């Protein structure tokens, strides 16, 4: 498992996840391999959950 993938129960801020997404794209040089695409998809889901959590928390 890649160190950039989410471990169950981990909680990262949307900003932290966004930085990981940006770093992934930089490492990949703008073209994702199948493994990187899978990692990217997991990160995007985690980012969306973090944003939702921040919105709920703010309300």
N, C-alpha and C. Protein backbone atom coordinates (compact mmCIF):
# COMPACT_ATOMS: atom_id res chain seq x y z
N UNK A 1 0.85 -1.18 0.00
CA UNK A 1 0.00 0.00 0.00
C UNK A 1 0.88 1.23 0.00
N UNK A 2 0.51 2.22 -0.77
CA UNK A 2 1.27 3.47 -0.86
C UNK A 2 1.09 4.27 0.42
N UNK A 3 2.13 5.00 0.85
CA UNK A 3 2.00 5.81 2.06
C UNK A 3 1.03 6.97 1.87
N UNK A 4 0.67 7.29 0.63
CA UNK A 4 -0.25 8.39 0.38
C UNK A 4 -1.71 7.99 0.43
N UNK A 5 -1.99 6.69 0.55
CA UNK A 5 -3.37 6.26 0.60
C UNK A 5 -3.89 6.39 2.01
N UNK A 6 -5.18 6.51 2.13
CA UNK A 6 -5.81 6.72 3.41
C UNK A 6 -5.85 5.43 4.21
N UNK A 7 -5.53 5.53 5.48
CA UNK A 7 -5.67 4.38 6.36
C UNK A 7 -6.99 4.54 7.10
N UNK A 8 -7.68 3.45 7.36
CA UNK A 8 -8.97 3.55 8.04
C UNK A 8 -8.85 4.31 9.35
N UNK A 9 -9.76 5.24 9.56
CA UNK A 9 -9.77 6.01 10.79
C UNK A 9 -8.90 7.26 10.76
N UNK A 10 -8.12 7.45 9.71
CA UNK A 10 -7.28 8.64 9.67
C UNK A 10 -8.14 9.85 9.31
N UNK A 11 -7.78 10.99 9.88
CA UNK A 11 -8.52 12.21 9.61
C UNK A 11 -7.50 13.28 9.22
N UNK A 12 -7.60 13.69 7.96
CA UNK A 12 -6.73 14.76 7.48
C UNK A 12 -7.61 15.91 7.03
N UNK A 13 -7.08 17.11 7.11
CA UNK A 13 -7.83 18.27 6.66
C UNK A 13 -7.90 18.28 5.14
N UNK A 14 -8.87 19.02 4.62
CA UNK A 14 -9.01 19.16 3.17
C UNK A 14 -7.74 19.77 2.58
N UNK A 15 -7.14 20.70 3.29
CA UNK A 15 -5.91 21.34 2.81
C UNK A 15 -4.77 20.33 2.70
N UNK A 16 -4.64 19.46 3.69
CA UNK A 16 -3.58 18.45 3.67
C UNK A 16 -3.78 17.47 2.52
N UNK A 17 -5.02 17.04 2.34
CA UNK A 17 -5.31 16.10 1.26
C UNK A 17 -5.07 16.77 -0.08
N UNK A 18 -5.46 18.04 -0.20
CA UNK A 18 -5.23 18.79 -1.43
C UNK A 18 -3.73 18.86 -1.74
N UNK A 19 -2.92 19.08 -0.74
CA UNK A 19 -1.46 19.11 -0.96
C UNK A 19 -0.95 17.76 -1.45
N UNK A 20 -1.50 16.69 -0.93
CA UNK A 20 -1.10 15.35 -1.39
C UNK A 20 -1.51 15.12 -2.84
N UNK A 21 -2.69 15.63 -3.21
CA UNK A 21 -3.14 15.52 -4.60
C UNK A 21 -2.19 16.29 -5.51
N UNK A 22 -1.86 17.50 -5.12
CA UNK A 22 -0.93 18.33 -5.91
C UNK A 22 0.43 17.65 -6.05
N UNK A 23 0.92 17.07 -4.95
CA UNK A 23 2.21 16.40 -4.97
C UNK A 23 2.18 15.18 -5.90
N UNK A 24 1.07 14.46 -5.88
CA UNK A 24 0.91 13.30 -6.75
C UNK A 24 1.01 13.73 -8.21
N UNK A 25 0.30 14.79 -8.57
CA UNK A 25 0.34 15.27 -9.96
C UNK A 25 1.73 15.74 -10.35
N UNK A 26 2.42 16.39 -9.42
CA UNK A 26 3.79 16.83 -9.72
C UNK A 26 4.72 15.64 -9.93
N UNK A 27 4.63 14.65 -9.05
CA UNK A 27 5.46 13.44 -9.19
C UNK A 27 5.17 12.73 -10.49
N UNK A 28 3.91 12.71 -10.87
CA UNK A 28 3.49 11.98 -12.07
C UNK A 28 3.80 12.74 -13.35
N UNK A 29 4.14 14.00 -13.24
CA UNK A 29 4.44 14.79 -14.42
C UNK A 29 3.22 15.08 -15.29
N UNK A 30 2.03 15.04 -14.67
CA UNK A 30 0.81 15.38 -15.39
C UNK A 30 0.11 14.21 -16.05
N UNK A 31 0.72 13.03 -16.01
CA UNK A 31 0.09 11.83 -16.57
C UNK A 31 0.14 10.73 -15.51
N UNK A 32 -1.03 10.27 -15.10
CA UNK A 32 -1.10 9.28 -14.03
C UNK A 32 -1.10 7.86 -14.57
N UNK A 33 -0.32 7.00 -13.92
CA UNK A 33 -0.35 5.57 -14.23
C UNK A 33 -1.64 5.00 -13.62
N UNK A 34 -1.92 3.75 -13.87
CA UNK A 34 -3.11 3.11 -13.31
C UNK A 34 -3.06 3.14 -11.78
N UNK A 35 -1.91 2.86 -11.21
CA UNK A 35 -1.77 2.88 -9.75
C UNK A 35 -1.94 4.30 -9.21
N UNK A 36 -1.35 5.28 -9.88
CA UNK A 36 -1.49 6.67 -9.45
C UNK A 36 -2.93 7.14 -9.60
N UNK A 37 -3.61 6.69 -10.64
CA UNK A 37 -5.02 7.05 -10.85
C UNK A 37 -5.86 6.53 -9.69
N UNK A 38 -5.59 5.31 -9.26
CA UNK A 38 -6.31 4.73 -8.13
C UNK A 38 -6.05 5.54 -6.86
N UNK A 39 -4.80 5.91 -6.63
CA UNK A 39 -4.44 6.72 -5.47
C UNK A 39 -5.13 8.08 -5.54
N UNK A 40 -5.13 8.67 -6.73
CA UNK A 40 -5.78 9.96 -6.95
C UNK A 40 -7.27 9.89 -6.61
N UNK A 41 -7.93 8.85 -7.08
CA UNK A 41 -9.37 8.69 -6.82
C UNK A 41 -9.65 8.58 -5.32
N UNK A 42 -8.82 7.83 -4.60
CA UNK A 42 -8.98 7.72 -3.15
C UNK A 42 -8.78 9.06 -2.47
N UNK A 43 -7.77 9.80 -2.93
CA UNK A 43 -7.51 11.12 -2.35
C UNK A 43 -8.65 12.10 -2.61
N UNK A 44 -9.23 12.05 -3.80
CA UNK A 44 -10.34 12.95 -4.12
C UNK A 44 -11.55 12.64 -3.23
N UNK A 45 -11.83 11.36 -3.01
CA UNK A 45 -12.93 10.98 -2.13
C UNK A 45 -12.64 11.47 -0.70
N UNK A 46 -11.40 11.27 -0.25
CA UNK A 46 -11.02 11.73 1.09
C UNK A 46 -11.14 13.25 1.20
N UNK A 47 -10.70 13.96 0.15
CA UNK A 47 -10.80 15.42 0.15
C UNK A 47 -12.26 15.86 0.25
N UNK A 48 -13.14 15.24 -0.53
CA UNK A 48 -14.57 15.59 -0.50
C UNK A 48 -15.16 15.35 0.88
N UNK A 49 -14.79 14.24 1.51
CA UNK A 49 -15.28 13.95 2.86
C UNK A 49 -14.79 15.00 3.85
N UNK A 50 -13.53 15.42 3.71
CA UNK A 50 -12.96 16.43 4.61
C UNK A 50 -13.67 17.77 4.42
N UNK A 51 -13.96 18.14 3.19
CA UNK A 51 -14.67 19.40 2.93
C UNK A 51 -16.07 19.33 3.52
N UNK A 52 -16.76 18.20 3.31
CA UNK A 52 -18.10 18.03 3.88
C UNK A 52 -18.05 18.15 5.41
N UNK A 53 -17.04 17.53 6.00
CA UNK A 53 -16.89 17.59 7.45
C UNK A 53 -16.68 19.01 7.94
N UNK A 54 -15.92 19.80 7.20
CA UNK A 54 -15.69 21.19 7.58
C UNK A 54 -16.96 22.01 7.47
N UNK A 55 -17.77 21.72 6.45
CA UNK A 55 -19.03 22.45 6.26
C UNK A 55 -19.99 22.12 7.39
N UNK A 56 -20.10 20.84 7.73
CA UNK A 56 -20.98 20.42 8.81
C UNK A 56 -20.51 21.02 10.13
N UNK A 57 -19.21 21.00 10.35
CA UNK A 57 -18.64 21.56 11.58
C UNK A 57 -18.91 23.05 11.70
N UNK A 58 -18.85 23.77 10.58
CA UNK A 58 -19.08 25.21 10.56
C UNK A 58 -20.55 25.54 10.84
N UNK A 59 -21.42 24.63 10.45
CA UNK A 59 -22.86 24.88 10.64
C UNK A 59 -23.22 24.63 12.07
